[in-house]
Amino acid sequence: MRLIVTGRDGQVARALMAEAPALGVILIPLGRPELDLLHPTGLDALFAAHRPDGIINAAAYTAVDQAENDYDAALAVNGAGAGAVATAAAALNIPIIQLSTDYVFDGTKPTPYIENDPVAPINAYGRSKLAGERSVIDATPNHAILRTSWVYAATGKNFVLTMLRLAADRSSVTVVSDQRGAPSYAPDIARAVLDVARNLATRPDDALLRGIFHMTGGGETSWAEFATEIFRQSAARGGPSAAVTPVPTSAFPTPARRPANSRLDCGRLKTVHGVALPDWRDGLGRCMDTIWAHR
């Protein structure tokens, strides 16, 4: 199976490239300058030249706070750019997997969100990603939109590495405690995405495999509890640790509002695709092992 992945420098794209060989997948990463979703042109010819069986659109504008003052660029990449990739996939008659986010919801539901719950993003990034979902749906029925949350990896810019960096310089950190969700380890996401891609490619007429699915690490936590577990696992490996001071969101203002409830019910993905991510603590442990193996 040959798959194009857009956005080769992102956490999930890098994880896809690392995981693909073991699963017998030939992955073709495309990014700037040949692929620029801010100005997507010539995608049909670019994709066709690689003879893919499917496309994974992992390219995105991900600067959540910056998007508040740069919405046109976020919307161009996450909205129109995603639509352009999906249109090219439709022209090649191949499936597209679009990575999306829990931020399409407003976070006011008291229980985990299911796929057909009403969407109501409360920040610019969420609005741009929702526009991307709709653009993909409009472009082709041959899609799987995978919403995930709280993505992290052993490299890049993410919460885990930020906490470890802070713990190296201070004895305590202040972390929001009233936002709940599920941390999702990028290699786990990558393996799940590749499983979904194989299902789509091998069962081209199965409409049940198409549509919107939720895909996050198992279980749930708050940012403060996540930080506490990061420090516990770090200390167990001889790494930096710090005390966590939980605070409400109101004590930690940011340009973009965050949903209080980012929990996603992933039951449909497991039922339809037979895919489920491990518990978030398990993913964190493997992430920590990787970090320490390179120190």
Protein backbone atom coordinates (compact mmCIF):
# COMPACT_ATOMS: atom_id res chain seq x y z
CA MET A 1 0.00 0.00 0.00
CA ARG A 2 1.31 3.41 -1.02
CA LEU A 3 0.13 6.45 0.91
CA ILE A 4 0.86 10.14 0.60
CA VAL A 5 1.08 12.06 3.87
CA THR A 6 0.98 15.85 3.81
CA GLY A 7 2.76 17.94 6.41
CA ARG A 8 5.90 15.87 6.78
CA ASP A 9 7.35 17.89 9.68
CA GLY A 10 4.45 17.52 12.12
CA GLN A 11 4.37 15.14 15.08
CA VAL A 12 1.88 12.74 13.52
CA ALA A 13 3.52 12.89 10.08
CA ARG A 14 6.90 12.02 11.60
CA ALA A 15 5.31 9.18 13.54
CA LEU A 16 3.65 7.90 10.38
CA MET A 17 6.99 7.80 8.62
CA ALA A 18 8.51 5.87 11.52
CA GLU A 19 5.67 3.35 11.84
CA ALA A 20 4.89 2.70 8.16
CA PRO A 21 7.77 0.33 7.23
CA ALA A 22 6.91 -2.22 9.93
CA LEU A 23 3.34 -2.31 8.66
CA GLY A 24 4.36 -2.83 5.04
CA VAL A 25 3.28 0.65 3.99
CA ILE A 26 5.20 2.82 1.55
CA LEU A 27 4.74 6.36 2.77
CA ILE A 28 5.39 9.38 0.56
CA PRO A 29 5.78 12.53 2.69
CA LEU A 30 5.02 15.81 0.95
CA GLY A 31 5.50 19.28 2.37
CA ARG A 32 6.73 22.73 1.49
CA PRO A 33 7.85 23.90 -0.95
CA GLU A 34 6.33 21.30 -3.31
CA LEU A 35 3.12 21.18 -1.28
CA ASP A 36 1.95 24.40 0.35
CA LEU A 37 -1.65 24.32 1.54
CA LEU A 38 -1.62 28.06 2.01
CA HIS A 39 -1.43 28.23 -1.80
CA PRO A 40 -2.45 24.76 -3.07
CA THR A 41 -1.89 24.44 -6.81
CA GLY A 42 -1.20 21.52 -9.09
CA LEU A 43 -2.17 18.92 -6.51
CA ASP A 44 -3.76 16.54 -9.02
CA ALA A 45 -0.52 16.14 -10.97
CA LEU A 46 1.66 16.13 -7.84
CA PHE A 47 -0.32 13.32 -6.22
CA ALA A 48 -0.85 11.33 -9.43
CA ALA A 49 2.89 11.15 -10.04
CA HIS A 50 3.29 9.06 -6.87
CA ARG A 51 0.49 6.58 -7.72
CA PRO A 52 -0.92 6.51 -4.15
CA ASP A 53 -3.63 4.22 -2.79
CA GLY A 54 -4.72 6.93 -0.40
CA ILE A 55 -3.86 10.31 1.12
CA ILE A 56 -3.44 11.24 4.78
CA ASN A 57 -3.82 14.98 5.28
CA ALA A 58 -1.75 15.69 8.38
CA ALA A 59 -0.72 19.19 7.27
CA ALA A 60 -2.28 21.87 9.42
CA TYR A 61 -1.97 25.31 10.93
CA THR A 62 -1.63 24.28 14.59
CA ALA A 63 -0.68 27.49 16.44
CA VAL A 64 -3.90 27.71 18.46
CA ASP A 65 -3.30 31.06 20.13
CA GLN A 66 -1.71 32.65 17.08
CA ALA A 67 -4.73 31.70 14.99
CA GLU A 68 -6.82 34.22 16.92
CA ASN A 69 -4.97 37.03 15.13
CA ASP A 70 -4.07 35.10 12.00
CA TYR A 71 -7.39 33.49 11.16
CA ASP A 72 -7.17 34.01 7.41
CA ALA A 73 -4.01 31.90 7.22
CA ALA A 74 -5.41 29.24 9.58
CA LEU A 75 -8.61 29.04 7.54
CA ALA A 76 -6.70 28.88 4.26
CA VAL A 77 -4.56 25.93 5.40
CA ASN A 78 -7.02 24.05 7.59
CA GLY A 79 -10.14 24.81 5.59
CA ALA A 80 -9.56 25.47 1.90
CA GLY A 81 -6.25 23.58 1.91
CA ALA A 82 -7.89 20.44 3.26
CA GLY A 83 -10.61 20.80 0.65
CA ALA A 84 -8.02 21.05 -2.12
CA VAL A 85 -6.33 17.83 -0.95
CA ALA A 86 -9.70 16.06 -0.81
CA THR A 87 -10.64 17.31 -4.28
CA ALA A 88 -7.39 15.91 -5.66
CA ALA A 89 -8.05 12.60 -3.90
CA ALA A 90 -11.49 12.47 -5.48
CA ALA A 91 -9.99 13.08 -8.93
CA LEU A 92 -7.73 10.06 -8.37
CA ASN A 93 -10.62 8.01 -6.96
CA ILE A 94 -8.72 7.26 -3.74
CA PRO A 95 -9.66 7.78 -0.08
CA ILE A 96 -8.51 10.67 2.07
CA ILE A 97 -7.95 10.57 5.82
CA GLN A 98 -8.36 14.01 7.35
CA LEU A 99 -6.97 14.61 10.83
CA SER A 100 -9.18 16.86 12.93
CA THR A 101 -9.59 17.92 16.53
CA ASP A 102 -11.68 17.93 19.70
CA TYR A 103 -11.69 21.72 19.35
CA VAL A 104 -14.67 21.53 16.99
CA PHE A 105 -16.76 21.22 20.20
CA ASP A 106 -17.43 23.93 22.77
CA GLY A 107 -16.62 21.70 25.74
CA THR A 108 -19.89 22.26 27.63
CA LYS A 109 -21.23 18.69 27.34
CA PRO A 110 -20.91 16.85 30.69
CA THR A 111 -20.04 13.52 29.06
CA PRO A 112 -17.67 12.46 26.23
CA TYR A 113 -18.63 13.71 22.79
CA ILE A 114 -19.86 11.36 20.09
CA GLU A 115 -19.39 12.00 16.39
CA ASN A 116 -22.82 13.46 15.66
CA ASP A 117 -22.97 15.83 18.63
CA PRO A 118 -23.49 19.45 17.59
CA VAL A 119 -20.25 21.26 16.75
CA ALA A 120 -19.63 24.74 18.13
CA PRO A 121 -15.93 25.70 18.21
CA ILE A 122 -14.99 28.45 20.65
CA ASN A 123 -11.69 29.50 19.08
CA ALA A 124 -10.34 30.35 15.64
CA TYR A 125 -8.31 27.17 15.33
CA GLY A 126 -11.40 25.05 15.99
CA ARG A 127 -13.41 27.01 13.44
CA SER A 128 -10.69 26.51 10.82
CA LYS A 129 -10.53 22.76 11.47
CA LEU A 130 -14.31 22.47 11.29
CA ALA A 131 -14.17 24.27 7.95
CA GLY A 132 -11.68 21.63 6.83
CA GLU A 133 -14.00 18.81 7.86
CA ARG A 134 -16.82 20.36 5.85
CA SER A 135 -14.58 20.97 2.84
CA VAL A 136 -13.50 17.33 2.82
CA ILE A 137 -17.08 16.11 3.14
CA ASP A 138 -18.15 18.37 0.28
CA ALA A 139 -15.27 17.21 -1.94
CA THR A 140 -15.64 13.43 -1.66
CA PRO A 141 -17.65 10.75 0.14
CA ASN A 142 -14.51 8.60 0.17
CA HIS A 143 -13.13 10.03 3.41
CA ALA A 144 -12.45 9.23 7.05
CA ILE A 145 -12.23 12.25 9.33
CA LEU A 146 -10.37 11.35 12.52
CA ARG A 147 -10.75 13.72 15.46
CA THR A 148 -8.02 13.43 18.06
CA SER A 149 -6.83 15.43 21.07
CA TRP A 150 -3.86 16.49 23.20
CA VAL A 151 -1.26 15.11 20.78
CA TYR A 152 2.31 14.67 21.99
CA ALA A 153 5.50 12.85 20.99
CA ALA A 154 9.10 12.38 22.09
CA THR A 155 10.14 15.24 19.79
CA GLY A 156 8.66 18.51 18.62
CA LYS A 157 6.68 21.06 20.61
CA ASN A 158 4.17 19.53 23.02
CA PHE A 159 2.99 19.46 26.62
CA VAL A 160 5.19 16.56 27.73
CA LEU A 161 8.43 18.16 26.59
CA THR A 162 7.37 21.54 27.95
CA MET A 163 6.73 20.05 31.39
CA LEU A 164 10.09 18.27 31.41
CA ARG A 165 11.86 21.48 30.39
CA LEU A 166 10.13 23.45 33.14
CA ALA A 167 10.89 20.80 35.75
CA ALA A 168 14.58 21.05 34.93
CA ASP A 169 14.57 24.70 36.08
CA ARG A 170 12.01 24.92 38.87
CA SER A 171 10.59 22.94 41.78
CA SER A 172 6.91 23.57 41.02
CA VAL A 173 4.72 24.34 38.02
CA THR A 174 1.22 25.77 37.74
CA VAL A 175 -1.11 23.76 35.51
CA VAL A 176 -4.80 24.09 34.59
CA SER A 177 -6.96 21.50 36.35
CA ASP A 178 -10.47 22.11 35.00
CA GLN A 179 -9.96 21.03 31.38
CA ARG A 180 -10.34 17.29 30.80
CA GLY A 181 -9.43 15.15 27.83
CA ALA A 182 -7.28 12.27 26.64
CA PRO A 183 -3.57 12.63 25.81
CA SER A 184 -2.81 10.90 22.50
CA TYR A 185 0.69 9.62 21.72
CA ALA A 186 1.64 10.36 18.09
CA PRO A 187 2.98 6.84 17.30
CA ASP A 188 -0.29 5.34 18.57
CA ILE A 189 -2.22 7.76 16.37
CA ALA A 190 0.01 6.83 13.43
CA ARG A 191 -0.59 3.10 13.78
CA ALA A 192 -4.33 3.66 14.08
CA VAL A 193 -4.36 5.94 11.02
CA LEU A 194 -2.50 3.34 8.97
CA ASP A 195 -4.97 0.65 10.06
CA VAL A 196 -7.86 2.86 8.97
CA ALA A 197 -6.11 3.61 5.68
CA ARG A 198 -5.73 -0.10 4.98
CA ASN A 199 -9.40 -0.69 5.70
CA LEU A 200 -10.40 2.08 3.30
CA ALA A 201 -8.09 0.87 0.55
CA THR A 202 -9.06 -2.80 0.78
CA ARG A 203 -12.81 -2.20 1.15
CA PRO A 204 -13.50 0.62 -1.31
CA ASP A 205 -17.26 0.10 -1.40
CA ASP A 206 -17.88 -0.12 2.36
CA ALA A 207 -19.70 3.08 3.24
CA LEU A 208 -19.61 2.25 6.97
CA LEU A 209 -15.85 2.77 6.99
CA ARG A 210 -16.30 6.33 5.75
CA GLY A 211 -17.35 9.35 7.78
CA ILE A 212 -16.28 10.95 11.05
CA PHE A 213 -14.59 8.99 13.86
CA HIS A 214 -13.11 9.90 17.22
CA MET A 215 -9.59 8.63 17.93
CA THR A 216 -7.80 9.46 21.19
CA GLY A 217 -5.78 7.73 23.85
CA GLY A 218 -7.80 5.58 26.22
CA GLY A 219 -9.03 6.98 29.53
CA GLU A 220 -9.19 10.60 30.56
CA THR A 221 -7.35 13.13 32.70
CA SER A 222 -6.85 16.84 33.32
CA TRP A 223 -3.81 18.85 32.31
CA ALA A 224 -2.73 19.03 35.96
CA GLU A 225 -3.11 15.26 36.41
CA PHE A 226 -1.28 14.70 33.13
CA ALA A 227 1.62 16.84 34.39
CA THR A 228 1.68 14.93 37.68
CA GLU A 229 1.97 11.63 35.82
CA ILE A 230 4.69 13.03 33.55
CA PHE A 231 6.74 13.99 36.60
CA ARG A 232 6.10 10.67 38.31
CA GLN A 233 7.29 8.71 35.31
CA SER A 234 10.22 11.07 34.77
CA ALA A 235 11.37 10.71 38.37
CA ALA A 236 11.14 6.92 38.09
CA ARG A 237 13.69 7.15 35.26
CA GLY A 238 15.97 9.54 37.10
CA GLY A 239 14.70 12.57 35.22
CA PRO A 240 13.45 16.00 36.30
CA SER A 241 10.34 16.32 38.43
CA ALA A 242 8.34 19.12 39.99
CA ALA A 243 5.34 19.64 42.22
CA VAL A 244 2.12 20.55 40.38
CA THR A 245 -0.05 23.43 41.56
CA PRO A 246 -3.55 22.98 40.06
CA VAL A 247 -5.34 26.18 39.03
CA PRO A 248 -8.59 26.97 37.21
CA THR A 249 -8.54 28.08 33.59
CA SER A 250 -9.47 31.59 34.72
CA ALA A 251 -6.08 31.88 36.45
CA PHE A 252 -4.20 31.08 33.23
CA PRO A 253 -5.65 33.31 30.48
CA THR A 254 -4.67 32.62 26.87
CA PRO A 255 -5.62 34.38 23.61
CA ALA A 256 -7.67 31.36 22.52
CA ARG A 257 -10.32 29.83 24.74
CA ARG A 258 -10.04 26.07 25.33
CA PRO A 259 -12.98 23.67 25.79
CA ALA A 260 -13.38 22.44 29.36
CA ASN A 261 -14.45 19.02 28.11
CA SER A 262 -12.27 17.54 25.35
CA ARG A 263 -13.30 13.95 26.03
CA LEU A 264 -14.21 12.03 22.87
CA ASP A 265 -16.11 8.74 22.80
CA CYS A 266 -14.06 6.48 20.51
CA GLY A 267 -16.47 3.54 20.49
CA ARG A 268 -17.48 3.97 16.85
CA LEU A 269 -13.89 3.68 15.63
CA LYS A 270 -13.43 0.43 17.53
CA THR A 271 -16.75 -1.02 16.38
CA VAL A 272 -16.43 -0.08 12.71
CA HIS A 273 -12.68 -0.19 12.07
CA GLY A 274 -11.55 -2.49 14.89
CA VAL A 275 -9.13 0.23 16.01
CA ALA A 276 -8.54 1.54 19.53
CA LEU A 277 -5.62 3.47 21.00
CA PRO A 278 -3.98 2.24 24.24
CA ASP A 279 -4.57 3.95 27.58
CA TRP A 280 -2.90 7.34 27.74
CA ARG A 281 -0.63 6.27 30.62
CA ASP A 282 0.72 3.43 28.51
CA GLY A 283 1.47 5.79 25.65
CA LEU A 284 3.18 8.21 28.02
CA GLY A 285 5.39 5.43 29.36
CA ARG A 286 6.57 4.48 25.89
CA CYS A 287 7.14 8.15 25.08
CA MET A 288 9.26 8.51 28.21
CA ASP A 289 11.27 5.43 27.29
CA THR A 290 11.98 6.95 23.88
CA ILE A 291 12.99 10.30 25.35
CA TRP A 292 15.39 8.72 27.82
CA ALA A 293 16.83 6.36 25.22
CA HIS A 294 18.12 9.42 23.36
CA ARG A 295 19.52 11.28 26.36
